Each structure stands twice: as structure tokens, then as C-alpha cells.
């Protein structure tokens, strides 16, 4: 199963890039993985929140393949612990999922069209994090989930 991380916004912040790249490289031991940084629509600063989300949603749905499994990171999504994420990865792998996309939305979140298309809506926490930091947390948590699946020492319980 191929893992793709999609994020709307700027390239990785240099202060976090090394750590993001480290966890991404570690993940490649378990599955093919890549990052897709989606551009913010032109004139974003002049658009209303609703119009910006709609444009971002249109771009995302055009990029998604029909058979891609989408995990949308959303503040109103279901929270899950590391073992729950590991279970999700095992379940999707057992279902012969070819591509699993984890999506981090733009500054105002995800458009309803994307949330309706999502197979899973996941909230990392009730806390609010900067988007750049979410990238690092996401990469680390998916890596942690694979170490749980493989019963490796990284995750301690």
C-alpha cells in the first residue's frame, strides 16, 4: 500500500524539514511514501473563507483518484490513539488498498465536498497545531503505527 501525505500550503518549514524527512525516510522501510504539497489558490488573500475552501476542495477532488482511500485530518474528526491508527493501516492493507492519502487542509480547514469524499475523518487532538507542525506529527504517528504493527521497540506501552 502506498502512503501519500498531502498538505495545502508552503513547502516544509526549514526548522521542521529535517525531522519530517527523517520520519518519511524511516517509513519507507514499511511502505512507499511521498509528500504532495498542494499550492494555495491564487489570490487566496482576496477570497472569503468559504470561497477559498471551495477552490481548495475542487483542486483536491480533481487530484484524487476514484479508488484512493482518503483520511482527512479534521478538527471534528474521530480521535484515535496510536494503536487505533495501526489497526486502520492493517485493515486497509488487508483490504488491498493501493493508495492511502492523509490530507492536511488549508488555513480554514477542508471544504464539505472533501469531507464528504473522505473515507475517514481523523482529529489528531483537541488542541490546535500549526499546519507545519501537523506534518511532523502525522509522519511520526504513521511511522509509530508501523512499528506497532511490526512489534518493534519504538513504541512503548
C-alpha atoms as a PDB file:
ATOM      1  CA  UNK A   1       0.000   0.000   0.000  1.00  0.00           C
ATOM      2  CA  UNK A   2       1.357   3.408  -0.955  1.00  0.00           C
ATOM      3  CA  UNK A   3       1.129   6.187   1.646  1.00  0.00           C
ATOM      4  CA  UNK A   4       0.822   9.784   0.476  1.00  0.00           C
ATOM      5  CA  UNK A   5       0.777  12.837   2.692  1.00  0.00           C
ATOM      6  CA  UNK A   6      -0.957  15.840   1.111  1.00  0.00           C
ATOM      7  CA  UNK A   7      -0.850  19.299   2.606  1.00  0.00           C
ATOM      8  CA  UNK A   8      -2.109  22.610   1.289  1.00  0.00           C
ATOM      9  CA  UNK A   9       0.381  25.397   1.792  1.00  0.00           C
ATOM     10  CA  UNK A  10       4.031  26.283   1.597  1.00  0.00           C
ATOM     11  CA  UNK A  11       6.977  23.859   1.397  1.00  0.00           C
ATOM     12  CA  UNK A  12       8.160  22.323   4.662  1.00  0.00           C
ATOM     13  CA  UNK A  13       9.468  24.871   7.143  1.00  0.00           C
ATOM     14  CA  UNK A  14      13.279  24.511   7.278  1.00  0.00           C
ATOM     15  CA  UNK A  15      13.135  24.219  11.081  1.00  0.00           C
ATOM     16  CA  UNK A  16      10.954  21.093  10.773  1.00  0.00           C
ATOM     17  CA  UNK A  17      12.058  19.705   7.399  1.00  0.00           C
ATOM     18  CA  UNK A  18      14.897  17.590   8.783  1.00  0.00           C
ATOM     19  CA  UNK A  19      12.591  15.814  11.234  1.00  0.00           C
ATOM     20  CA  UNK A  20       9.811  15.379   8.633  1.00  0.00           C
ATOM     21  CA  UNK A  21      12.340  13.937   6.185  1.00  0.00           C
ATOM     22  CA  UNK A  22      13.734  11.610   8.880  1.00  0.00           C
ATOM     23  CA  UNK A  23      10.325  10.068   9.672  1.00  0.00           C
ATOM     24  CA  UNK A  24       9.432   9.911   5.990  1.00  0.00           C
ATOM     25  CA  UNK A  25      12.661   8.008   5.305  1.00  0.00           C
ATOM     26  CA  UNK A  26      12.003   5.657   8.241  1.00  0.00           C
ATOM     27  CA  UNK A  27       8.509   4.977   6.890  1.00  0.00           C
ATOM     28  CA  UNK A  28       9.916   3.862   3.546  1.00  0.00           C
ATOM     29  CA  UNK A  29      11.115   0.702   5.340  1.00  0.00           C
ATOM     30  CA  UNK A  30       7.423  -0.334   5.563  1.00  0.00           C
ATOM     31  CA  UNK A  31       5.684   1.243   2.573  1.00  0.00           C
ATOM     32  CA  UNK A  32       6.304   3.559  -0.361  1.00  0.00           C
ATOM     33  CA  UNK A  33       5.655   7.079   0.936  1.00  0.00           C
ATOM     34  CA  UNK A  34       5.637  10.576  -0.555  1.00  0.00           C
ATOM     35  CA  UNK A  35       4.640  14.155   0.197  1.00  0.00           C
ATOM     36  CA  UNK A  36       2.499  16.301  -2.060  1.00  0.00           C
ATOM     37  CA  UNK A  37       2.424  19.981  -1.123  1.00  0.00           C
ATOM     38  CA  UNK A  38      -0.637  21.438  -2.829  1.00  0.00           C
ATOM     39  CA  UNK A  39      -0.455  25.115  -3.743  1.00  0.00           C
ATOM     40  CA  UNK A  40      -2.711  27.680  -2.132  1.00  0.00           C
ATOM     41  CA  UNK A  41      -5.066  29.036  -4.839  1.00  0.00           C
ATOM     42  CA  UNK A  42      -4.012  32.312  -6.461  1.00  0.00           C
ATOM     43  CA  UNK A  43      -5.338  35.472  -4.818  1.00  0.00           C
ATOM     44  CA  UNK A  44      -6.164  33.486  -1.685  1.00  0.00           C
ATOM     45  CA  UNK A  45      -5.887  36.603   0.450  1.00  0.00           C
ATOM     46  CA  UNK A  46      -8.671  38.268  -1.501  1.00  0.00           C
ATOM     47  CA  UNK A  47     -11.100  35.347  -1.206  1.00  0.00           C
ATOM     48  CA  UNK A  48     -13.647  34.749   1.515  1.00  0.00           C
ATOM     49  CA  UNK A  49     -13.049  31.759   3.787  1.00  0.00           C
ATOM     50  CA  UNK A  50     -15.888  29.885   2.073  1.00  0.00           C
ATOM     51  CA  UNK A  51     -14.609  30.635  -1.458  1.00  0.00           C
ATOM     52  CA  UNK A  52     -11.057  29.647  -0.545  1.00  0.00           C
ATOM     53  CA  UNK A  53     -12.202  26.336   0.963  1.00  0.00           C
ATOM     54  CA  UNK A  54     -14.359  25.683  -2.105  1.00  0.00           C
ATOM     55  CA  UNK A  55     -11.435  26.292  -4.502  1.00  0.00           C
ATOM     56  CA  UNK A  56      -9.128  24.115  -2.409  1.00  0.00           C
ATOM     57  CA  UNK A  57     -11.809  21.423  -2.300  1.00  0.00           C
ATOM     58  CA  UNK A  58     -12.199  21.472  -6.082  1.00  0.00           C
ATOM     59  CA  UNK A  59      -8.426  21.117  -6.530  1.00  0.00           C
ATOM     60  CA  UNK A  60      -8.246  18.226  -4.052  1.00  0.00           C
ATOM     61  CA  UNK A  61     -11.145  16.281  -5.559  1.00  0.00           C
ATOM     62  CA  UNK A  62      -9.649  16.707  -9.041  1.00  0.00           C
ATOM     63  CA  UNK A  63      -6.322  15.288  -7.816  1.00  0.00           C
ATOM     64  CA  UNK A  64      -7.861  12.285  -6.054  1.00  0.00           C
ATOM     65  CA  UNK A  65      -8.194   9.008  -7.909  1.00  0.00           C
ATOM     66  CA  UNK A  66     -11.551   7.300  -7.565  1.00  0.00           C
ATOM     67  CA  UNK A  67     -10.088   4.305  -5.712  1.00  0.00           C
ATOM     68  CA  UNK A  68      -7.851   6.310  -3.348  1.00  0.00           C
ATOM     69  CA  UNK A  69      -8.688   5.936   0.330  1.00  0.00           C
ATOM     70  CA  UNK A  70      -8.742   9.390   1.886  1.00  0.00           C
ATOM     71  CA  UNK A  71      -8.012  10.157   5.533  1.00  0.00           C
ATOM     72  CA  UNK A  72      -8.930  13.798   6.091  1.00  0.00           C
ATOM     73  CA  UNK A  73      -7.390  15.470   9.114  1.00  0.00           C
ATOM     74  CA  UNK A  74     -10.219  17.489  10.592  1.00  0.00           C
ATOM     75  CA  UNK A  75     -10.739  19.075  13.998  1.00  0.00           C
ATOM     76  CA  UNK A  76     -14.194  17.458  14.195  1.00  0.00           C
ATOM     77  CA  UNK A  77     -12.977  14.021  13.125  1.00  0.00           C
ATOM     78  CA  UNK A  78     -12.670  10.974  15.329  1.00  0.00           C
ATOM     79  CA  UNK A  79      -9.702  10.890  17.673  1.00  0.00           C
ATOM     80  CA  UNK A  80      -7.685   7.687  17.735  1.00  0.00           C
ATOM     81  CA  UNK A  81      -4.653   6.526  19.606  1.00  0.00           C
ATOM     82  CA  UNK A  82      -1.505   5.097  18.030  1.00  0.00           C
ATOM     83  CA  UNK A  83      -2.802   1.526  18.262  1.00  0.00           C
ATOM     84  CA  UNK A  84      -6.014   2.614  16.532  1.00  0.00           C
ATOM     85  CA  UNK A  85      -4.009   4.116  13.679  1.00  0.00           C
ATOM     86  CA  UNK A  86      -2.020   0.879  13.436  1.00  0.00           C
ATOM     87  CA  UNK A  87      -5.302  -1.049  13.221  1.00  0.00           C
ATOM     88  CA  UNK A  88      -6.514   1.241  10.444  1.00  0.00           C
ATOM     89  CA  UNK A  89      -3.321   0.639   8.458  1.00  0.00           C
ATOM     90  CA  UNK A  90      -3.600  -3.131   8.920  1.00  0.00           C
ATOM     91  CA  UNK A  91      -7.276  -3.080   7.915  1.00  0.00           C
ATOM     92  CA  UNK A  92      -6.596  -1.060   4.759  1.00  0.00           C
ATOM     93  CA  UNK A  93      -3.621  -3.266   3.900  1.00  0.00           C
ATOM     94  CA  UNK A  94      -5.757  -6.397   4.319  1.00  0.00           C
ATOM     95  CA  UNK A  95      -8.359  -4.833   2.028  1.00  0.00           C
ATOM     96  CA  UNK A  96      -5.668  -4.487  -0.669  1.00  0.00           C
ATOM     97  CA  UNK A  97      -5.821  -0.705  -0.603  1.00  0.00           C
ATOM     98  CA  UNK A  98      -3.410   0.560  -3.234  1.00  0.00           C
ATOM     99  CA  UNK A  99      -3.120   4.178  -2.113  1.00  0.00           C
ATOM    100  CA  UNK A 100      -3.894   5.803   1.226  1.00  0.00           C
ATOM    101  CA  UNK A 101      -3.819   9.620   1.319  1.00  0.00           C
ATOM    102  CA  UNK A 102      -3.584  11.577   4.568  1.00  0.00           C
ATOM    103  CA  UNK A 103      -4.777  15.117   3.867  1.00  0.00           C
ATOM    104  CA  UNK A 104      -3.968  18.272   5.829  1.00  0.00           C
ATOM    105  CA  UNK A 105      -6.270  21.097   4.750  1.00  0.00           C
ATOM    106  CA  UNK A 106      -5.608  24.781   4.328  1.00  0.00           C
ATOM    107  CA  UNK A 107      -5.765  27.567   6.886  1.00  0.00           C
ATOM    108  CA  UNK A 108      -9.552  27.307   7.258  1.00  0.00           C
ATOM    109  CA  UNK A 109      -9.805  23.522   7.139  1.00  0.00           C
ATOM    110  CA  UNK A 110     -11.380  21.352   4.474  1.00  0.00           C
ATOM    111  CA  UNK A 111     -14.373  22.032   2.281  1.00  0.00           C
ATOM    112  CA  UNK A 112     -17.511  19.995   2.918  1.00  0.00           C
ATOM    113  CA  UNK A 113     -17.098  18.331  -0.513  1.00  0.00           C
ATOM    114  CA  UNK A 114     -13.742  16.891   0.601  1.00  0.00           C
ATOM    115  CA  UNK A 115     -15.064  15.822   3.997  1.00  0.00           C
ATOM    116  CA  UNK A 116     -17.963  14.071   2.273  1.00  0.00           C
ATOM    117  CA  UNK A 117     -15.492  12.283  -0.027  1.00  0.00           C
ATOM    118  CA  UNK A 118     -13.237  11.229   2.881  1.00  0.00           C
ATOM    119  CA  UNK A 119     -13.274   7.597   3.958  1.00  0.00           C
ATOM    120  CA  UNK A 120     -12.055   8.609   7.430  1.00  0.00           C
ATOM    121  CA  UNK A 121     -12.085  11.909   9.294  1.00  0.00           C
ATOM    122  CA  UNK A 122      -9.327  11.994  11.895  1.00  0.00           C
ATOM    123  CA  UNK A 123      -8.649  14.563  14.586  1.00  0.00           C
ATOM    124  CA  UNK A 124      -5.090  14.484  15.874  1.00  0.00           C
ATOM    125  CA  UNK A 125      -6.102  16.287  19.055  1.00  0.00           C
ATOM    126  CA  UNK A 126      -8.496  18.776  20.555  1.00  0.00           C
ATOM    127  CA  UNK A 127      -5.512  21.143  20.584  1.00  0.00           C
ATOM    128  CA  UNK A 128      -4.803  23.420  17.629  1.00  0.00           C
ATOM    129  CA  UNK A 129      -1.405  22.968  15.954  1.00  0.00           C
ATOM    130  CA  UNK A 130       0.352  24.981  13.238  1.00  0.00           C
ATOM    131  CA  UNK A 131      -0.017  23.230   9.864  1.00  0.00           C
ATOM    132  CA  UNK A 132       3.728  22.776   9.532  1.00  0.00           C
ATOM    133  CA  UNK A 133       3.895  21.016  12.900  1.00  0.00           C
ATOM    134  CA  UNK A 134       0.961  18.778  11.917  1.00  0.00           C
ATOM    135  CA  UNK A 135       3.103  17.466   9.066  1.00  0.00           C
ATOM    136  CA  UNK A 136       5.756  16.333  11.533  1.00  0.00           C
ATOM    137  CA  UNK A 137       3.223  14.838  13.951  1.00  0.00           C
ATOM    138  CA  UNK A 138       1.497  12.990  11.111  1.00  0.00           C
ATOM    139  CA  UNK A 139       4.717  11.494   9.728  1.00  0.00           C
ATOM    140  CA  UNK A 140       5.847  10.440  13.202  1.00  0.00           C
ATOM    141  CA  UNK A 141       2.491   8.887  14.100  1.00  0.00           C
ATOM    142  CA  UNK A 142       2.258   6.858  10.884  1.00  0.00           C
ATOM    143  CA  UNK A 143       5.818   5.682  11.474  1.00  0.00           C
ATOM    144  CA  UNK A 144       4.906   4.800  15.084  1.00  0.00           C
ATOM    145  CA  UNK A 145       1.862   2.859  13.844  1.00  0.00           C
ATOM    146  CA  UNK A 146       4.025   0.734  11.557  1.00  0.00           C
ATOM    147  CA  UNK A 147       6.429  -0.015  14.417  1.00  0.00           C
ATOM    148  CA  UNK A 148       3.420  -1.172  16.458  1.00  0.00           C
ATOM    149  CA  UNK A 149       2.302  -3.399  13.580  1.00  0.00           C
ATOM    150  CA  UNK A 150       5.805  -4.912  13.367  1.00  0.00           C
ATOM    151  CA  UNK A 151       6.094  -5.164  17.171  1.00  0.00           C
ATOM    152  CA  UNK A 152       9.279  -3.094  17.182  1.00  0.00           C
ATOM    153  CA  UNK A 153      10.702  -1.287  20.205  1.00  0.00           C
ATOM    154  CA  UNK A 154       9.958   2.315  19.133  1.00  0.00           C
ATOM    155  CA  UNK A 155       6.504   2.378  20.746  1.00  0.00           C
ATOM    156  CA  UNK A 156       6.455   1.615  24.477  1.00  0.00           C
ATOM    157  CA  UNK A 157       3.286   0.600  26.320  1.00  0.00           C
END
